[in-house]
C-alpha atoms as a PDB file:
ATOM      1  CA  MET A   1    -117.673  16.028 -69.307  1.00  0.00           C
ATOM      2  CA  GLY A   2    -119.280  12.883 -67.299  1.00  0.00           C
ATOM      3  CA  ILE A   3    -116.733   9.867 -66.840  1.00  0.00           C
ATOM      4  CA  SER A   4    -118.005   6.048 -68.614  1.00  0.00           C
ATOM      5  CA  ARG A   5    -117.843   3.130 -66.894  1.00  0.00           C
ATOM      6  CA  ARG A   6    -114.776   2.624 -70.017  1.00  0.00           C
ATOM      7  CA  ASN A   7    -112.980   5.725 -68.779  1.00  0.00           C
ATOM      8  CA  LEU A   8    -112.645   4.685 -64.883  1.00  0.00           C
ATOM      9  CA  ILE A   9    -112.156   1.167 -65.801  1.00  0.00           C
ATOM     10  CA  GLY A  10    -109.486   2.073 -68.655  1.00  0.00           C
ATOM     11  CA  ALA A  11    -108.825  -1.674 -71.156  1.00  0.00           C
ATOM     12  CA  THR A  12    -111.100  -4.488 -69.185  1.00  0.00           C
ATOM     13  CA  VAL A  13    -110.227  -7.338 -70.988  1.00  0.00           C
ATOM     14  CA  ALA A  14    -111.098 -11.166 -70.576  1.00  0.00           C
ATOM     15  CA  LEU A  15    -109.325 -14.920 -70.904  1.00  0.00           C
ATOM     16  CA  GLY A  16    -111.240 -16.762 -72.522  1.00  0.00           C
ATOM     17  CA  THR A  17    -111.040 -20.731 -71.233  1.00  0.00           C
ATOM     18  CA  SER A  18    -112.868 -24.030 -71.104  1.00  0.00           C
ATOM     19  CA  ALA A  19    -113.818 -25.498 -67.917  1.00  0.00           C
ATOM     20  CA  PRO A  20    -113.898 -29.584 -67.557  1.00  0.00           C
ATOM     21  CA  VAL A  21    -117.078 -30.809 -66.171  1.00  0.00           C
ATOM     22  CA  MET A  22    -117.400 -29.354 -62.682  1.00  0.00           C
ATOM     23  CA  GLN A  23    -120.630 -29.516 -60.107  1.00  0.00           C
ATOM     24  CA  GLY A  24    -122.786 -27.083 -60.951  1.00  0.00           C
ATOM     25  CA  LEU A  25    -122.557 -27.904 -64.559  1.00  0.00           C
ATOM     26  CA  ASP A  26    -124.641 -29.742 -67.005  1.00  0.00           C
ATOM     27  CA  PRO A  27    -122.288 -32.561 -68.034  1.00  0.00           C
ATOM     28  CA  ASN A  28    -123.586 -31.550 -71.985  1.00  0.00           C
ATOM     29  CA  GLN A  29    -122.342 -28.039 -71.666  1.00  0.00           C
ATOM     30  CA  ALA A  30    -118.882 -28.825 -70.940  1.00  0.00           C
ATOM     31  CA  ARG A  31    -117.018 -26.395 -73.769  1.00  0.00           C
ATOM     32  CA  ALA A  32    -113.690 -27.828 -75.643  1.00  0.00           C
ATOM     33  CA  SER A  33    -110.351 -26.972 -74.258  1.00  0.00           C
ATOM     34  CA  MET A  34    -107.961 -24.393 -74.711  1.00  0.00           C
ATOM     35  CA  PRO A  35    -104.696 -22.739 -73.587  1.00  0.00           C
ATOM     36  CA  GLY A  36    -104.701 -22.033 -70.175  1.00  0.00           C
ATOM     37  CA  ASN A  37    -107.954 -23.907 -68.924  1.00  0.00           C
ATOM     38  CA  LYS A  38    -105.568 -25.484 -65.363  1.00  0.00           C
ATOM     39  CA  SER A  39    -105.269 -21.852 -63.818  1.00  0.00           C
ATOM     40  CA  VAL A  40    -109.634 -21.837 -64.650  1.00  0.00           C
ATOM     41  CA  GLU A  41    -110.261 -24.646 -63.458  1.00  0.00           C
ATOM     42  CA  ASP A  42    -107.728 -23.426 -59.905  1.00  0.00           C
ATOM     43  CA  VAL A  43    -110.310 -20.768 -60.041  1.00  0.00           C
ATOM     44  CA  THR A  44    -113.094 -22.698 -60.331  1.00  0.00           C
ATOM     45  CA  SER A  45    -112.162 -25.254 -57.373  1.00  0.00           C
ATOM     46  CA  LEU A  46    -111.257 -22.649 -54.942  1.00  0.00           C
ATOM     47  CA  ALA A  47    -114.436 -20.971 -55.714  1.00  0.00           C
ATOM     48  CA  VAL A  48    -117.081 -24.351 -54.691  1.00  0.00           C
ATOM     49  CA  GLN A  49    -114.923 -25.380 -52.040  1.00  0.00           C
ATOM     50  CA  TYR A  50    -115.324 -21.614 -50.401  1.00  0.00           C
ATOM     51  CA  PHE A  51    -118.931 -21.167 -51.307  1.00  0.00           C
ATOM     52  CA  THR A  52    -120.219 -24.542 -50.798  1.00  0.00           C
ATOM     53  CA  SER A  53    -118.724 -23.549 -47.247  1.00  0.00           C
ATOM     54  CA  LYS A  54    -120.502 -20.589 -47.194  1.00  0.00           C
ATOM     55  CA  GLY A  55    -123.879 -23.051 -47.433  1.00  0.00           C
ATOM     56  CA  TYR A  56    -124.208 -22.182 -51.805  1.00  0.00           C
ATOM     57  CA  ALA A  57    -125.994 -24.851 -53.006  1.00  0.00           C
ATOM     58  CA  ALA A  58    -125.356 -25.694 -57.267  1.00  0.00           C
ATOM     59  CA  GLY A  59    -127.241 -24.804 -59.936  1.00  0.00           C
ATOM     60  CA  ALA A  60    -127.689 -25.679 -63.383  1.00  0.00           C
ATOM     61  CA  PRO A  61    -126.940 -22.828 -65.798  1.00  0.00           C
ATOM     62  CA  LYS A  62    -128.588 -21.647 -68.561  1.00  0.00           C
ATOM     63  CA  PRO A  63    -127.691 -22.853 -72.471  1.00  0.00           C
ATOM     64  CA  LEU A  64    -125.234 -20.712 -73.902  1.00  0.00           C
ATOM     65  CA  LEU A  65    -127.611 -20.315 -77.074  1.00  0.00           C
ATOM     66  CA  THR A  66    -131.221 -18.280 -76.121  1.00  0.00           C
ATOM     67  CA  GLY A  67    -133.358 -18.163 -78.655  1.00  0.00           C
ATOM     68  CA  VAL A  68    -133.780 -14.809 -78.380  1.00  0.00           C
ATOM     69  CA  ASP A  69    -132.811 -12.289 -80.593  1.00  0.00           C
ATOM     70  CA  HIS A  70    -130.504 -10.063 -77.310  1.00  0.00           C
ATOM     71  CA  ASN A  71    -126.997 -10.477 -77.822  1.00  0.00           C
ATOM     72  CA  GLY A  72    -126.820 -12.475 -81.019  1.00  0.00           C
ATOM     73  CA  GLY A  73    -129.120 -15.213 -78.971  1.00  0.00           C
ATOM     74  CA  LEU A  74    -126.418 -16.263 -76.857  1.00  0.00           C
ATOM     75  CA  THR A  75    -126.396 -16.207 -73.570  1.00  0.00           C
ATOM     76  CA  TYR A  76    -124.961 -12.199 -72.428  1.00  0.00           C
ATOM     77  CA  ASP A  77    -124.714 -12.371 -68.277  1.00  0.00           C
ATOM     78  CA  GLU A  78    -126.208 -14.778 -65.249  1.00  0.00           C
ATOM     79  CA  ASP A  79    -129.574 -13.125 -64.982  1.00  0.00           C
ATOM     80  CA  GLY A  80    -132.443 -15.984 -64.096  1.00  0.00           C
ATOM     81  CA  PHE A  81    -131.019 -17.947 -61.417  1.00  0.00           C
ATOM     82  CA  GLY A  82    -131.928 -18.492 -57.774  1.00  0.00           C
ATOM     83  CA  ARG A  83    -135.807 -16.296 -58.377  1.00  0.00           C
ATOM     84  CA  GLY A  84    -137.829 -17.053 -54.843  1.00  0.00           C
ATOM     85  CA  SER A  85    -134.548 -19.675 -53.712  1.00  0.00           C
ATOM     86  CA  ALA A  86    -134.852 -20.573 -50.459  1.00  0.00           C
ATOM     87  CA  ARG A  87    -131.812 -21.245 -50.252  1.00  0.00           C
ATOM     88  CA  SER A  88    -127.998 -19.740 -51.808  1.00  0.00           C
ATOM     89  CA  LEU A  89    -126.966 -20.941 -55.266  1.00  0.00           C
ATOM     90  CA  TYR A  90    -124.425 -21.049 -57.132  1.00  0.00           C
ATOM     91  CA  VAL A  91    -124.070 -21.513 -60.728  1.00  0.00           C
ATOM     92  CA  ILE A  92    -121.279 -21.541 -63.177  1.00  0.00           C
ATOM     93  CA  GLN A  93    -122.411 -19.658 -66.618  1.00  0.00           C
ATOM     94  CA  PRO A  94    -120.967 -19.904 -70.223  1.00  0.00           C
ATOM     95  CA  CYS A  95    -121.613 -16.168 -70.977  1.00  0.00           C
ATOM     96  CA  ALA A  96    -120.658 -14.392 -74.540  1.00  0.00           C
ATOM     97  CA  ARG A  97    -120.711 -10.933 -75.771  1.00  0.00           C
ATOM     98  CA  VAL A  98    -121.173  -9.228 -79.368  1.00  0.00           C
ATOM     99  CA  GLU A  99    -119.932  -5.913 -78.104  1.00  0.00           C
ATOM    100  CA  ASP A 100    -117.230  -7.720 -76.750  1.00  0.00           C
ATOM    101  CA  ALA A 101    -115.434  -8.647 -80.922  1.00  0.00           C
ATOM    102  CA  GLN A 102    -115.637  -4.933 -81.180  1.00  0.00           C
ATOM    103  CA  ALA A 103    -112.545  -4.787 -78.712  1.00  0.00           C
ATOM    104  CA  GLN A 104    -111.234  -8.407 -80.687  1.00  0.00           C
ATOM    105  CA  ARG A 105    -107.519  -6.995 -80.463  1.00  0.00           C
ATOM    106  CA  LYS A 106    -106.890  -6.152 -77.069  1.00  0.00           C
ATOM    107  CA  PRO A 107    -104.706  -8.029 -75.233  1.00  0.00           C
ATOM    108  CA  GLY A 108    -106.287 -10.213 -73.353  1.00  0.00           C
ATOM    109  CA  ALA A 109    -110.024 -10.479 -75.032  1.00  0.00           C
ATOM    110  CA  LEU A 110    -111.780 -13.329 -75.941  1.00  0.00           C
ATOM    111  CA  PRO A 111    -114.634 -14.948 -77.489  1.00  0.00           C
ATOM    112  CA  PHE A 112    -116.429 -16.276 -74.855  1.00  0.00           C
ATOM    113  CA  PHE A 113    -115.880 -16.729 -70.707  1.00  0.00           C
ATOM    114  CA  THR A 114    -116.903 -18.526 -67.603  1.00  0.00           C
ATOM    115  CA  ILE A 115    -119.139 -16.101 -64.828  1.00  0.00           C
ATOM    116  CA  PHE A 116    -119.502 -17.703 -61.336  1.00  0.00           C
ATOM    117  CA  ALA A 117    -122.826 -15.904 -60.306  1.00  0.00           C
ATOM    118  CA  LEU A 118    -124.033 -16.079 -56.284  1.00  0.00           C
ATOM    119  CA  TYR A 119    -128.044 -16.191 -55.972  1.00  0.00           C
ATOM    120  CA  PRO A 120    -128.265 -15.435 -51.556  1.00  0.00           C
ATOM    121  CA  ALA A 121    -131.287 -16.908 -49.760  1.00  0.00           C
ATOM    122  CA  GLU A 122    -133.164 -13.652 -48.431  1.00  0.00           C
ATOM    123  CA  ALA A 123    -131.570 -13.478 -44.515  1.00  0.00           C
ATOM    124  CA  VAL A 124    -128.087 -13.390 -46.357  1.00  0.00           C
ATOM    125  CA  THR A 125    -127.346  -9.091 -45.939  1.00  0.00           C
ATOM    126  CA  ALA A 126    -125.483  -6.996 -48.389  1.00  0.00           C
ATOM    127  CA  GLN A 127    -122.555  -6.633 -46.145  1.00  0.00           C
ATOM    128  CA  ARG A 128    -122.358 -10.642 -46.155  1.00  0.00           C
ATOM    129  CA  ARG A 129    -122.626 -10.808 -49.385  1.00  0.00           C
ATOM    130  CA  THR A 130    -119.817  -8.662 -49.595  1.00  0.00           C
ATOM    131  CA  SER A 131    -117.800  -9.722 -46.824  1.00  0.00           C
ATOM    132  CA  ASP A 132    -117.787 -13.330 -48.907  1.00  0.00           C
ATOM    133  CA  LEU A 133    -116.285 -12.177 -52.600  1.00  0.00           C
ATOM    134  CA  LEU A 134    -114.176 -10.135 -50.677  1.00  0.00           C
ATOM    135  CA  LYS A 135    -112.429 -12.588 -48.409  1.00  0.00           C
ATOM    136  CA  PHE A 136    -112.776 -14.875 -51.559  1.00  0.00           C
ATOM    137  CA  LEU A 137    -110.471 -13.065 -53.377  1.00  0.00           C
ATOM    138  CA  THR A 138    -108.249 -12.091 -51.157  1.00  0.00           C
ATOM    139  CA  ALA A 139    -108.082 -14.264 -48.695  1.00  0.00           C
ATOM    140  CA  VAL A 140    -108.739 -17.693 -50.713  1.00  0.00           C
ATOM    141  CA  ALA A 141    -107.495 -16.790 -54.423  1.00  0.00           C
ATOM    142  CA  GLY A 142    -104.702 -14.584 -52.729  1.00  0.00           C
ATOM    143  CA  LEU A 143    -104.815 -11.340 -54.318  1.00  0.00           C
ATOM    144  CA  ASP A 144    -103.276  -8.069 -53.048  1.00  0.00           C
ATOM    145  CA  SER A 145    -106.160  -6.045 -51.806  1.00  0.00           C
ATOM    146  CA  LYS A 146    -103.631  -2.936 -53.076  1.00  0.00           C
ATOM    147  CA  ARG A 147    -104.264  -3.823 -56.073  1.00  0.00           C
ATOM    148  CA  LEU A 148    -107.768  -3.856 -56.618  1.00  0.00           C
ATOM    149  CA  ARG A 149    -110.491  -1.268 -57.235  1.00  0.00           C
ATOM    150  CA  VAL A 150    -113.656  -0.881 -57.152  1.00  0.00           C
ATOM    151  CA  THR A 151    -116.038   1.923 -59.370  1.00  0.00           C
ATOM    152  CA  THR A 152    -119.455   2.331 -57.867  1.00  0.00           C
ATOM    153  CA  THR A 153    -122.046   4.772 -57.248  1.00  0.00           C
ATOM    154  CA  GLU A 154    -123.060   7.130 -53.867  1.00  0.00           C
ATOM    155  CA  LEU A 155    -126.302   4.298 -53.695  1.00  0.00           C
ATOM    156  CA  ALA A 156    -123.266   1.527 -52.885  1.00  0.00           C
ATOM    157  CA  LYS A 157    -121.778   3.965 -49.605  1.00  0.00           C
ATOM    158  CA  PRO A 158    -123.215   1.181 -47.187  1.00  0.00           C
ATOM    159  CA  LEU A 159    -120.635  -1.312 -47.838  1.00  0.00           C
ATOM    160  CA  PHE A 160    -117.442   0.931 -47.106  1.00  0.00           C
ATOM    161  CA  ALA A 161    -116.495   0.343 -44.457  1.00  0.00           C
ATOM    162  CA  ASP A 162    -116.643  -3.388 -45.467  1.00  0.00           C
ATOM    163  CA  PHE A 163    -114.332  -2.833 -48.312  1.00  0.00           C
ATOM    164  CA  GLU A 164    -112.244  -1.159 -45.569  1.00  0.00           C
ATOM    165  CA  ARG A 165    -112.422  -4.077 -43.974  1.00  0.00           C
ATOM    166  CA  TYR A 166    -110.787  -5.888 -47.095  1.00  0.00           C
ATOM    167  CA  GLY A 167    -107.916  -3.393 -47.462  1.00  0.00           C
ATOM    168  CA  ILE A 168    -109.213  -1.720 -50.480  1.00  0.00           C
ATOM    169  CA  SER A 169    -109.282   1.957 -49.177  1.00  0.00           C
ATOM    170  CA  SER A 170    -111.073   5.116 -50.103  1.00  0.00           C
ATOM    171  CA  GLU A 171    -108.815   5.915 -52.049  1.00  0.00           C
ATOM    172  CA  GLN A 172    -109.196   2.967 -53.941  1.00  0.00           C
ATOM    173  CA  ILE A 173    -112.980   3.649 -54.578  1.00  0.00           C
ATOM    174  CA  ARG A 174    -114.417   5.229 -57.815  1.00  0.00           C
ATOM    175  CA  LEU A 175    -117.578   7.060 -57.526  1.00  0.00           C
ATOM    176  CA  ARG A 176    -119.631   8.312 -60.071  1.00  0.00           C
ATOM    177  CA  PRO A 177    -122.697  10.263 -60.880  1.00  0.00           C
ATOM    178  CA  VAL A 178    -125.825   7.957 -60.284  1.00  0.00           C
ATOM    179  CA  ALA A 179    -127.684   9.651 -63.487  1.00  0.00           C
ATOM    180  CA  GLU A 180    -124.252   8.783 -65.629  1.00  0.00           C
ATOM    181  CA  ALA A 181    -124.541   5.326 -64.073  1.00  0.00           C
ATOM    182  CA  GLN A 182    -127.966   4.718 -65.300  1.00  0.00           C
ATOM    183  CA  ALA A 183    -127.416   5.807 -68.236  1.00  0.00           C
ATOM    184  CA  GLU A 184    -125.126   3.824 -69.544  1.00  0.00           C
ATOM    185  CA  GLY A 185    -126.131   0.497 -67.730  1.00  0.00           C
ATOM    186  CA  ALA A 186    -123.201  -0.936 -68.482  1.00  0.00           C
ATOM    187  CA  GLY A 187    -122.624  -2.129 -64.365  1.00  0.00           C
ATOM    188  CA  SER A 188    -119.755  -0.599 -61.814  1.00  0.00           C
ATOM    189  CA  GLY A 189    -122.733   1.773 -60.894  1.00  0.00           C
ATOM    190  CA  TRP A 190    -125.770   1.178 -61.371  1.00  0.00           C
ATOM    191  CA  PHE A 191    -126.813  -2.262 -64.460  1.00  0.00           C
ATOM    192  CA  GLU A 192    -129.504  -2.247 -67.030  1.00  0.00           C
ATOM    193  CA  PRO A 193    -128.430  -3.685 -70.377  1.00  0.00           C
ATOM    194  CA  LYS A 194    -130.635  -2.034 -72.756  1.00  0.00           C
ATOM    195  CA  GLY A 195    -132.872  -4.954 -74.906  1.00  0.00           C
ATOM    196  CA  HIS A 196    -132.203  -7.200 -71.510  1.00  0.00           C
ATOM    197  CA  PRO A 197    -134.785  -9.761 -71.837  1.00  0.00           C
ATOM    198  CA  ASN A 198    -135.188  -9.890 -68.102  1.00  0.00           C
ATOM    199  CA  ALA A 199    -135.518  -6.031 -68.039  1.00  0.00           C
ATOM    200  CA  ALA A 200    -132.112  -6.377 -65.026  1.00  0.00           C
ATOM    201  CA  ALA A 201    -132.326  -2.469 -63.992  1.00  0.00           C
ATOM    202  CA  PHE A 202    -129.443  -2.916 -60.041  1.00  0.00           C
ATOM    203  CA  ALA A 203    -127.776  -0.597 -58.238  1.00  0.00           C
ATOM    204  CA  SER A 204    -124.179  -2.494 -58.326  1.00  0.00           C
ATOM    205  CA  TYR A 205    -121.060  -2.518 -58.197  1.00  0.00           C
ATOM    206  CA  SER A 206    -117.854  -3.853 -59.485  1.00  0.00           C
ATOM    207  CA  VAL A 207    -114.314  -5.047 -58.603  1.00  0.00           C
ATOM    208  CA  GLU A 208    -111.600  -4.261 -60.868  1.00  0.00           C
ATOM    209  CA  PHE A 209    -108.002  -5.560 -60.451  1.00  0.00           C
ATOM    210  CA  VAL A 210    -104.530  -3.483 -61.690  1.00  0.00           C
ATOM    211  CA  MET A 211    -102.300  -5.945 -63.703  1.00  0.00           C
ATOM    212  CA  GLU A 212     -98.409  -5.399 -63.400  1.00  0.00           C
ATOM    213  CA  ASP A 213     -98.961  -3.157 -67.336  1.00  0.00           C
ATOM    214  CA  GLY A 214    -101.028  -0.681 -65.792  1.00  0.00           C
ATOM    215  CA  ASN A 215    -104.238  -2.985 -66.697  1.00  0.00           C
ATOM    216  CA  GLU A 216    -107.480  -2.828 -65.387  1.00  0.00           C
ATOM    217  CA  ILE A 217    -109.726  -5.673 -65.290  1.00  0.00           C
ATOM    218  CA  GLU A 218    -112.927  -6.165 -64.279  1.00  0.00           C
ATOM    219  CA  ILE A 219    -113.051  -9.535 -61.872  1.00  0.00           C
ATOM    220  CA  ALA A 220    -116.461  -9.642 -60.247  1.00  0.00           C
ATOM    221  CA  GLU A 221    -119.660  -7.486 -60.326  1.00  0.00           C
ATOM    222  CA  SER A 222    -122.232  -7.661 -57.220  1.00  0.00           C
ATOM    223  CA  ALA A 223    -125.865  -6.265 -56.786  1.00  0.00           C
ATOM    224  CA  VAL A 224    -126.127  -3.649 -53.764  1.00  0.00           C
ATOM    225  CA  GLU A 225    -129.399  -4.418 -51.974  1.00  0.00           C
ATOM    226  CA  PHE A 226    -131.962  -7.343 -52.244  1.00  0.00           C
ATOM    227  CA  ALA A 227    -134.961  -7.325 -54.718  1.00  0.00           C
ATOM    228  CA  PRO A 228    -136.229  -8.714 -57.452  1.00  0.00           C
ATOM    229  CA  PRO A 229    -135.647  -9.995 -59.788  1.00  0.00           C
ATOM    230  CA  HIS A 230    -131.833  -9.728 -59.110  1.00  0.00           C
ATOM    231  CA  ASN A 231    -132.535 -11.402 -55.500  1.00  0.00           C
ATOM    232  CA  GLY A 232    -128.786  -9.694 -54.791  1.00  0.00           C
ATOM    233  CA  VAL A 233    -126.541 -11.547 -57.048  1.00  0.00           C
ATOM    234  CA  VAL A 234    -123.116 -11.434 -57.496  1.00  0.00           C
ATOM    235  CA  ALA A 235    -120.934 -12.294 -60.439  1.00  0.00           C
ATOM    236  CA  VAL A 236    -117.078 -13.420 -59.951  1.00  0.00           C
ATOM    237  CA  GLY A 237    -115.553 -13.850 -63.813  1.00  0.00           C
ATOM    238  CA  LEU A 238    -113.675 -16.909 -63.166  1.00  0.00           C
ATOM    239  CA  GLU A 239    -111.441 -16.313 -66.607  1.00  0.00           C
ATOM    240  CA  ARG A 240    -110.270 -12.724 -65.542  1.00  0.00           C
ATOM    241  CA  LEU A 241    -110.054 -13.778 -61.366  1.00  0.00           C
ATOM    242  CA  ALA A 242    -107.341 -16.708 -63.350  1.00  0.00           C
ATOM    243  CA  MET A 243    -105.238 -14.298 -65.401  1.00  0.00           C
ATOM    244  CA  ALA A 244    -105.283 -11.512 -62.041  1.00  0.00           C
ATOM    245  CA  ARG A 245    -103.596 -14.526 -60.215  1.00  0.00           C
ATOM    246  CA  ASN A 246    -101.138 -14.755 -62.947  1.00  0.00           C
ATOM    247  CA  GLY A 247    -100.348 -12.121 -64.303  1.00  0.00           C
ATOM    248  CA  GLN A 248    -101.316 -13.119 -67.349  1.00  0.00           C
ATOM    249  CA  LEU A 249    -103.070 -11.885 -70.246  1.00  0.00           C
ATOM    250  CA  MET A 250    -104.343 -14.134 -73.404  1.00  0.00           C
ATOM    251  CA  ASN A 251    -105.775 -12.656 -76.620  1.00  0.00           C
ATOM    252  CA  TRP A 252    -108.624 -13.180 -79.329  1.00  0.00           C
ATOM    253  CA  ASP A 253    -107.467 -16.108 -81.520  1.00  0.00           C
ATOM    254  CA  ASP A 254    -106.705 -17.838 -78.253  1.00  0.00           C
ATOM    255  CA  GLY A 255    -110.466 -18.216 -77.751  1.00  0.00           C
ATOM    256  CA  ALA A 256    -112.145 -18.456 -81.286  1.00  0.00           C
ATOM    257  CA  LYS A 257    -112.039 -22.155 -82.186  1.00  0.00           C
ATOM    258  CA  ALA A 258    -113.712 -23.293 -78.576  1.00  0.00           C
ATOM    259  CA  PHE A 259    -115.946 -20.472 -79.105  1.00  0.00           C
ATOM    260  CA  LYS A 260    -116.567 -22.270 -82.810  1.00  0.00           C
ATOM    261  CA  GLU A 261    -117.057 -25.699 -81.255  1.00  0.00           C
ATOM    262  CA  THR A 262    -119.445 -24.879 -78.452  1.00  0.00           C
ATOM    263  CA  ILE A 263    -121.616 -22.894 -80.568  1.00  0.00           C
ATOM    264  CA  GLU A 264    -121.431 -25.602 -83.252  1.00  0.00           C
ATOM    265  CA  ALA A 265    -121.723 -28.595 -80.218  1.00  0.00           C
ATOM    266  CA  GLU A 266    -124.843 -26.541 -78.614  1.00  0.00           C
ATOM    267  CA  ALA A 267    -126.781 -26.244 -81.286  1.00  0.00           C
ATOM    268  CA  GLN A 268    -126.438 -29.556 -82.853  1.00  0.00           C
ATOM    269  CA  ARG A 269    -127.647 -30.801 -79.439  1.00  0.00           C
ATOM    270  CA  SER A 270    -130.257 -28.634 -79.033  1.00  0.00           C
ATOM    271  CA  GLY A 271    -131.752 -28.330 -82.505  1.00  0.00           C
ATOM    272  CA  LYS A 272    -131.583 -24.195 -82.888  1.00  0.00           C
ATOM    273  CA  PRO A 273    -130.013 -22.553 -85.451  1.00  0.00           C
ATOM    274  CA  LEU A 274    -126.505 -21.190 -85.393  1.00  0.00           C
ATOM    275  CA  PRO A 275    -127.531 -18.236 -84.250  1.00  0.00           C
ATOM    276  CA  SER A 276    -126.304 -14.577 -85.211  1.00  0.00           C
ATOM    277  CA  GLY A 277    -123.719 -14.221 -82.372  1.00  0.00           C
ATOM    278  CA  TYR A 278    -121.795 -17.015 -84.071  1.00  0.00           C
ATOM    279  CA  PHE A 279    -121.140 -14.959 -86.839  1.00  0.00           C
ATOM    280  CA  ASP A 280    -120.318 -11.537 -85.433  1.00  0.00           C
ATOM    281  CA  ILE A 281    -118.154 -12.889 -83.015  1.00  0.00           C
ATOM    282  CA  LEU A 282    -116.288 -15.496 -85.196  1.00  0.00           C
ATOM    283  CA  GLY A 283    -116.540 -12.466 -87.616  1.00  0.00           C
ATOM    284  CA  LEU A 284    -118.181 -14.257 -90.915  1.00  0.00           C
ATOM    285  CA  PRO A 285    -120.400 -13.058 -92.950  1.00  0.00           C
ATOM    286  CA  GLN A 286    -124.618 -13.643 -91.927  1.00  0.00           C
ATOM    287  CA  PRO A 287    -126.543 -16.697 -93.992  1.00  0.00           C
ATOM    288  CA  GLY A 288    -128.866 -15.243 -96.784  1.00  0.00           C
END
């Protein structure tokens, strides 16, 4: 029997919060405050400072309301930036996944989250991207490398020496069959979500952190190769990284009010109707 991404990683949870207006974030997209936001502010500040020093410039995020049916009309991930850019960009992207509502009673699961997405210029090699990511997680954010795990396929083997350099031994790397990862498409080896409007499909590796209670939370995902349309994208979950740094989980209810206020404010500002994902995530009946 195959081993799915979820079985490999265990309980992947998201600490949702709201960040204030920051470099690269449109002031009109600042989200409502909720508990625990200071730790995410700290992580965001560290990421901006570090990757700016590595030559990344700020880019503007996409709206949280997409106007398409996929994922209930909500922005699902960081896909769609940096295509054809002559320089490296970072984007602070608010996201929400309708499917997360099915796991809302798990500790740490919240209605929405923020991705710190990196879109490297073509000259930035996979080894350099991996080195920059792991140095940020360990030396800058201060995570213990012994508590990191990598989940991927044999397609990422050229990067194993880079993992080792930052304290991630072969025993900390979980390999999945390529065909299994491609069939699932959820990341941790291959990212190709069914119905994705931008038809994203690429080999990847994910980085997880083992909490004190044994739960693992995914804190980053990176493309293995540089190729259109993803162009070597690297994504760090800011709330999950804050949770790993602080050893603290939050629950779904902590973020429900902030999610509600954020979606309603963006719908009013944009003139778009409330999307179906708003009702799904809040557990409300769809309007007639």
